[in-house]
């Protein structure tokens, strides 16, 4: 009987001791602040492989789609960097243009993209115009205003016609391509 009474007295003491240890442990882990560790500004905060990002307008129609083989962003920086970016820009769900590049970056706050290597802009054919392809080495795209521009040498194929220029401004809303230099154009019907 004495042994049974002692074990009954020991159990509450053990229970109180375990509860106290559990309380101390929970207190310690609840005080950990995961935001205190500093990130290395020279190393990407995150990296995504084989990325597809899609946005829709207020009516639920496709607005733009970005496909890239790799994307990364540095801590505290607004620009996301891409390898092999392929941007599709839509209006009311209809493809307006497509921009393909070797590399580039995009600022989500300003909706500005910069392609810094071999770039191709494609405006699909419609009922009034043939397909237009514009090749250049660097291009700036303002996705908010639907304007693409470059100061680099460019070659434009519009149907069977060809134009060479140093720089351009393409205003998608107006369907207007302004060539910024004296240009050589070979017009073909």
C-alpha atoms as a PDB file:
ATOM      1  CA  UNK A   1       0.000   0.000   0.000  1.00  0.00           C
ATOM      2  CA  UNK A   2       2.791   2.383   0.808  1.00  0.00           C
ATOM      3  CA  UNK A   3       4.215   1.972  -2.699  1.00  0.00           C
ATOM      4  CA  UNK A   4       0.872   2.788  -4.304  1.00  0.00           C
ATOM      5  CA  UNK A   5       0.495   5.945  -2.211  1.00  0.00           C
ATOM      6  CA  UNK A   6       3.995   7.112  -3.125  1.00  0.00           C
ATOM      7  CA  UNK A   7       3.360   6.661  -6.867  1.00  0.00           C
ATOM      8  CA  UNK A   8       0.113   8.623  -6.533  1.00  0.00           C
ATOM      9  CA  UNK A   9       2.067  11.454  -4.884  1.00  0.00           C
ATOM     10  CA  UNK A  10       4.794  11.324  -7.540  1.00  0.00           C
ATOM     11  CA  UNK A  11       2.432  11.563 -10.525  1.00  0.00           C
ATOM     12  CA  UNK A  12       1.116  15.079  -9.753  1.00  0.00           C
ATOM     13  CA  UNK A  13       4.660  16.314  -9.156  1.00  0.00           C
ATOM     14  CA  UNK A  14       5.776  14.874 -12.518  1.00  0.00           C
ATOM     15  CA  UNK A  15       2.727  16.349 -14.241  1.00  0.00           C
ATOM     16  CA  UNK A  16       3.424  19.819 -12.813  1.00  0.00           C
ATOM     17  CA  UNK A  17       7.116  19.540 -13.810  1.00  0.00           C
ATOM     18  CA  UNK A  18       6.287  18.504 -17.409  1.00  0.00           C
ATOM     19  CA  UNK A  19       3.688  21.265 -17.689  1.00  0.00           C
ATOM     20  CA  UNK A  20       6.251  23.821 -16.488  1.00  0.00           C
ATOM     21  CA  UNK A  21       8.835  22.604 -19.031  1.00  0.00           C
ATOM     22  CA  UNK A  22       6.251  22.688 -21.830  1.00  0.00           C
ATOM     23  CA  UNK A  23       5.248  26.227 -20.832  1.00  0.00           C
ATOM     24  CA  UNK A  24       8.883  27.415 -20.881  1.00  0.00           C
ATOM     25  CA  UNK A  25       9.490  25.783 -24.275  1.00  0.00           C
ATOM     26  CA  UNK A  26       6.337  27.293 -25.810  1.00  0.00           C
ATOM     27  CA  UNK A  27       7.275  30.703 -24.408  1.00  0.00           C
ATOM     28  CA  UNK A  28      10.711  30.513 -26.037  1.00  0.00           C
ATOM     29  CA  UNK A  29       9.522  29.456 -29.504  1.00  0.00           C
ATOM     30  CA  UNK A  30       6.703  32.002 -29.507  1.00  0.00           C
ATOM     31  CA  UNK A  31       9.283  34.771 -29.032  1.00  0.00           C
ATOM     32  CA  UNK A  32      11.377  33.811 -32.077  1.00  0.00           C
ATOM     33  CA  UNK A  33      11.317  36.540 -34.673  1.00  0.00           C
ATOM     34  CA  UNK A  34      11.910  35.146 -38.146  1.00  0.00           C
ATOM     35  CA  UNK A  35      12.100  38.669 -39.633  1.00  0.00           C
ATOM     36  CA  UNK A  36      15.281  39.582 -37.771  1.00  0.00           C
ATOM     37  CA  UNK A  37      17.635  37.635 -40.010  1.00  0.00           C
ATOM     38  CA  UNK A  38      19.164  39.840 -42.674  1.00  0.00           C
ATOM     39  CA  UNK A  39      19.189  38.622 -46.251  1.00  0.00           C
ATOM     40  CA  UNK A  40      22.309  38.911 -48.376  1.00  0.00           C
ATOM     41  CA  UNK A  41      21.570  41.710 -50.893  1.00  0.00           C
ATOM     42  CA  UNK A  42      23.908  40.050 -53.431  1.00  0.00           C
ATOM     43  CA  UNK A  43      22.022  36.745 -53.436  1.00  0.00           C
ATOM     44  CA  UNK A  44      18.499  36.291 -54.827  1.00  0.00           C
ATOM     45  CA  UNK A  45      15.755  36.187 -52.216  1.00  0.00           C
ATOM     46  CA  UNK A  46      13.966  33.625 -54.372  1.00  0.00           C
ATOM     47  CA  UNK A  47      14.410  31.820 -57.693  1.00  0.00           C
ATOM     48  CA  UNK A  48      11.673  30.236 -59.827  1.00  0.00           C
ATOM     49  CA  UNK A  49      12.295  27.778 -62.643  1.00  0.00           C
ATOM     50  CA  UNK A  50       9.957  27.306 -65.651  1.00  0.00           C
ATOM     51  CA  UNK A  51       7.595  30.082 -64.611  1.00  0.00           C
ATOM     52  CA  UNK A  52       4.206  31.033 -66.051  1.00  0.00           C
ATOM     53  CA  UNK A  53       2.490  34.097 -64.568  1.00  0.00           C
ATOM     54  CA  UNK A  54      -0.956  35.190 -65.770  1.00  0.00           C
ATOM     55  CA  UNK A  55      -3.000  38.305 -64.936  1.00  0.00           C
ATOM     56  CA  UNK A  56      -6.642  38.991 -65.717  1.00  0.00           C
ATOM     57  CA  UNK A  57      -8.540  42.271 -66.104  1.00  0.00           C
ATOM     58  CA  UNK A  58     -11.540  43.347 -63.986  1.00  0.00           C
ATOM     59  CA  UNK A  59     -13.908  41.447 -66.308  1.00  0.00           C
ATOM     60  CA  UNK A  60     -11.910  38.228 -65.892  1.00  0.00           C
ATOM     61  CA  UNK A  61     -10.395  38.320 -69.377  1.00  0.00           C
ATOM     62  CA  UNK A  62      -6.750  37.600 -70.028  1.00  0.00           C
ATOM     63  CA  UNK A  63      -4.600  40.742 -69.577  1.00  0.00           C
ATOM     64  CA  UNK A  64      -1.052  39.417 -69.860  1.00  0.00           C
ATOM     65  CA  UNK A  65       0.962  36.249 -69.524  1.00  0.00           C
ATOM     66  CA  UNK A  66       4.676  35.919 -68.875  1.00  0.00           C
ATOM     67  CA  UNK A  67       6.523  32.663 -69.466  1.00  0.00           C
ATOM     68  CA  UNK A  68      10.203  32.371 -68.519  1.00  0.00           C
ATOM     69  CA  UNK A  69      12.739  29.608 -68.010  1.00  0.00           C
ATOM     70  CA  UNK A  70      14.057  31.267 -64.846  1.00  0.00           C
ATOM     71  CA  UNK A  71      13.150  34.261 -62.662  1.00  0.00           C
ATOM     72  CA  UNK A  72      14.832  35.701 -59.554  1.00  0.00           C
ATOM     73  CA  UNK A  73      14.565  38.765 -57.342  1.00  0.00           C
ATOM     74  CA  UNK A  74      16.987  40.340 -54.883  1.00  0.00           C
ATOM     75  CA  UNK A  75      15.922  41.368 -51.350  1.00  0.00           C
ATOM     76  CA  UNK A  76      14.428  44.850 -51.146  1.00  0.00           C
ATOM     77  CA  UNK A  77      14.633  45.417 -54.939  1.00  0.00           C
ATOM     78  CA  UNK A  78      11.519  46.030 -57.066  1.00  0.00           C
ATOM     79  CA  UNK A  79      12.877  44.387 -60.248  1.00  0.00           C
ATOM     80  CA  UNK A  80      12.450  40.703 -61.060  1.00  0.00           C
ATOM     81  CA  UNK A  81      15.017  39.288 -63.516  1.00  0.00           C
ATOM     82  CA  UNK A  82      14.243  36.740 -66.219  1.00  0.00           C
ATOM     83  CA  UNK A  83      15.933  34.315 -68.567  1.00  0.00           C
ATOM     84  CA  UNK A  84      14.121  33.640 -71.861  1.00  0.00           C
ATOM     85  CA  UNK A  85      11.096  35.865 -71.093  1.00  0.00           C
ATOM     86  CA  UNK A  86       8.075  35.520 -73.386  1.00  0.00           C
ATOM     87  CA  UNK A  87       5.410  38.180 -72.701  1.00  0.00           C
ATOM     88  CA  UNK A  88       1.909  38.049 -74.186  1.00  0.00           C
ATOM     89  CA  UNK A  89      -0.118  41.277 -73.892  1.00  0.00           C
ATOM     90  CA  UNK A  90      -3.915  41.128 -74.351  1.00  0.00           C
ATOM     91  CA  UNK A  91      -6.770  43.603 -74.567  1.00  0.00           C
ATOM     92  CA  UNK A  92     -10.305  42.347 -73.883  1.00  0.00           C
ATOM     93  CA  UNK A  93      -8.878  38.823 -74.101  1.00  0.00           C
ATOM     94  CA  UNK A  94      -7.438  39.327 -77.622  1.00  0.00           C
ATOM     95  CA  UNK A  95      -3.668  39.065 -78.176  1.00  0.00           C
ATOM     96  CA  UNK A  96      -2.261  42.509 -79.035  1.00  0.00           C
ATOM     97  CA  UNK A  97       1.459  41.735 -79.148  1.00  0.00           C
ATOM     98  CA  UNK A  98       4.084  39.324 -77.950  1.00  0.00           C
ATOM     99  CA  UNK A  99       7.665  40.112 -76.840  1.00  0.00           C
ATOM    100  CA  UNK A 100      10.315  37.370 -76.734  1.00  0.00           C
ATOM    101  CA  UNK A 101      13.839  37.951 -75.431  1.00  0.00           C
ATOM    102  CA  UNK A 102      16.989  36.269 -74.190  1.00  0.00           C
ATOM    103  CA  UNK A 103      16.983  38.098 -70.846  1.00  0.00           C
ATOM    104  CA  UNK A 104      15.267  40.974 -69.130  1.00  0.00           C
ATOM    105  CA  UNK A 105      13.802  42.456 -65.997  1.00  0.00           C
ATOM    106  CA  UNK A 106      10.358  43.629 -64.912  1.00  0.00           C
ATOM    107  CA  UNK A 107       9.265  46.093 -62.239  1.00  0.00           C
ATOM    108  CA  UNK A 108       5.835  45.073 -60.946  1.00  0.00           C
ATOM    109  CA  UNK A 109       5.209  48.462 -59.292  1.00  0.00           C
ATOM    110  CA  UNK A 110       5.782  50.519 -62.442  1.00  0.00           C
ATOM    111  CA  UNK A 111       4.828  47.761 -64.932  1.00  0.00           C
ATOM    112  CA  UNK A 112       8.017  48.515 -66.862  1.00  0.00           C
ATOM    113  CA  UNK A 113       9.999  45.756 -68.585  1.00  0.00           C
ATOM    114  CA  UNK A 114      13.460  46.014 -70.112  1.00  0.00           C
ATOM    115  CA  UNK A 115      14.833  43.400 -72.475  1.00  0.00           C
ATOM    116  CA  UNK A 116      18.598  43.729 -72.681  1.00  0.00           C
ATOM    117  CA  UNK A 117      19.502  41.098 -75.276  1.00  0.00           C
ATOM    118  CA  UNK A 118      18.128  39.827 -78.558  1.00  0.00           C
ATOM    119  CA  UNK A 119      14.421  40.797 -78.664  1.00  0.00           C
ATOM    120  CA  UNK A 120      11.509  40.066 -80.994  1.00  0.00           C
ATOM    121  CA  UNK A 121       8.180  41.918 -80.877  1.00  0.00           C
ATOM    122  CA  UNK A 122       5.333  40.274 -82.789  1.00  0.00           C
ATOM    123  CA  UNK A 123       2.046  41.988 -83.585  1.00  0.00           C
ATOM    124  CA  UNK A 124      -0.306  39.323 -84.914  1.00  0.00           C
ATOM    125  CA  UNK A 125      -2.120  39.760 -88.208  1.00  0.00           C
ATOM    126  CA  UNK A 126      -5.698  40.975 -88.055  1.00  0.00           C
ATOM    127  CA  UNK A 127      -8.409  41.621 -90.654  1.00  0.00           C
ATOM    128  CA  UNK A 128      -6.793  44.928 -91.725  1.00  0.00           C
ATOM    129  CA  UNK A 129      -3.026  44.343 -91.300  1.00  0.00           C
ATOM    130  CA  UNK A 130      -0.527  41.526 -91.887  1.00  0.00           C
ATOM    131  CA  UNK A 131       1.704  40.245 -89.090  1.00  0.00           C
ATOM    132  CA  UNK A 132       4.484  42.611 -87.992  1.00  0.00           C
ATOM    133  CA  UNK A 133       7.797  41.342 -86.589  1.00  0.00           C
ATOM    134  CA  UNK A 134      10.302  43.736 -85.059  1.00  0.00           C
ATOM    135  CA  UNK A 135      13.846  42.557 -84.207  1.00  0.00           C
ATOM    136  CA  UNK A 136      16.228  44.578 -82.029  1.00  0.00           C
ATOM    137  CA  UNK A 137      18.980  44.104 -79.435  1.00  0.00           C
ATOM    138  CA  UNK A 138      17.273  45.950 -76.535  1.00  0.00           C
ATOM    139  CA  UNK A 139      13.726  47.089 -75.830  1.00  0.00           C
ATOM    140  CA  UNK A 140      11.758  48.907 -73.145  1.00  0.00           C
ATOM    141  CA  UNK A 141       8.091  47.916 -72.663  1.00  0.00           C
ATOM    142  CA  UNK A 142       5.626  49.991 -70.641  1.00  0.00           C
ATOM    143  CA  UNK A 143       2.898  47.402 -70.005  1.00  0.00           C
ATOM    144  CA  UNK A 144       0.606  49.969 -68.332  1.00  0.00           C
ATOM    145  CA  UNK A 145       0.610  52.279 -71.380  1.00  0.00           C
ATOM    146  CA  UNK A 146       1.132  49.533 -74.014  1.00  0.00           C
ATOM    147  CA  UNK A 147       4.200  51.260 -75.465  1.00  0.00           C
ATOM    148  CA  UNK A 148       7.365  49.531 -76.629  1.00  0.00           C
ATOM    149  CA  UNK A 149      10.506  51.466 -77.561  1.00  0.00           C
ATOM    150  CA  UNK A 150      14.171  51.109 -78.377  1.00  0.00           C
ATOM    151  CA  UNK A 151      17.154  53.241 -79.356  1.00  0.00           C
ATOM    152  CA  UNK A 152      19.008  50.265 -80.847  1.00  0.00           C
ATOM    153  CA  UNK A 153      19.220  49.240 -84.519  1.00  0.00           C
ATOM    154  CA  UNK A 154      15.974  47.521 -85.509  1.00  0.00           C
ATOM    155  CA  UNK A 155      14.590  45.547 -88.426  1.00  0.00           C
ATOM    156  CA  UNK A 156      10.849  45.531 -89.016  1.00  0.00           C
ATOM    157  CA  UNK A 157       8.992  43.044 -91.227  1.00  0.00           C
ATOM    158  CA  UNK A 158       5.425  44.060 -92.046  1.00  0.00           C
ATOM    159  CA  UNK A 159       3.979  41.474 -94.383  1.00  0.00           C
ATOM    160  CA  UNK A 160       6.448  41.440 -97.299  1.00  0.00           C
ATOM    161  CA  UNK A 161       7.786  44.947 -96.538  1.00  0.00           C
ATOM    162  CA  UNK A 162      11.064  45.491 -94.639  1.00  0.00           C
ATOM    163  CA  UNK A 163      12.300  48.579 -92.762  1.00  0.00           C
ATOM    164  CA  UNK A 164      15.646  49.245 -91.031  1.00  0.00           C
ATOM    165  CA  UNK A 165      15.916  51.933 -88.388  1.00  0.00           C
ATOM    166  CA  UNK A 166      17.931  53.073 -85.393  1.00  0.00           C
ATOM    167  CA  UNK A 167      15.257  53.167 -82.709  1.00  0.00           C
ATOM    168  CA  UNK A 168      11.470  53.134 -82.675  1.00  0.00           C
ATOM    169  CA  UNK A 169       8.398  53.816 -80.545  1.00  0.00           C
ATOM    170  CA  UNK A 170       5.436  51.466 -80.896  1.00  0.00           C
ATOM    171  CA  UNK A 171       2.128  52.737 -79.477  1.00  0.00           C
ATOM    172  CA  UNK A 172      -0.138  49.717 -79.415  1.00  0.00           C
ATOM    173  CA  UNK A 173      -3.356  51.648 -78.617  1.00  0.00           C
ATOM    174  CA  UNK A 174      -2.927  53.739 -81.779  1.00  0.00           C
ATOM    175  CA  UNK A 175      -1.404  50.948 -83.859  1.00  0.00           C
ATOM    176  CA  UNK A 176       1.417  53.389 -84.642  1.00  0.00           C
ATOM    177  CA  UNK A 177       5.104  52.530 -85.148  1.00  0.00           C
ATOM    178  CA  UNK A 178       7.375  55.594 -85.247  1.00  0.00           C
ATOM    179  CA  UNK A 179      10.889  55.016 -86.579  1.00  0.00           C
ATOM    180  CA  UNK A 180      13.384  57.339 -84.862  1.00  0.00           C
ATOM    181  CA  UNK A 181      16.031  57.631 -87.559  1.00  0.00           C
ATOM    182  CA  UNK A 182      16.400  57.988 -91.265  1.00  0.00           C
ATOM    183  CA  UNK A 183      15.176  54.609 -92.361  1.00  0.00           C
ATOM    184  CA  UNK A 184      15.542  52.335 -95.315  1.00  0.00           C
ATOM    185  CA  UNK A 185      12.205  50.817 -96.256  1.00  0.00           C
ATOM    186  CA  UNK A 186      11.499  48.240 -98.954  1.00  0.00           C
ATOM    187  CA  UNK A 187       7.764  48.267 -99.541  1.00  0.00           C
ATOM    188  CA  UNK A 188       6.206  45.230-101.189  1.00  0.00           C
ATOM    189  CA  UNK A 189       2.561  44.537-101.919  1.00  0.00           C
END
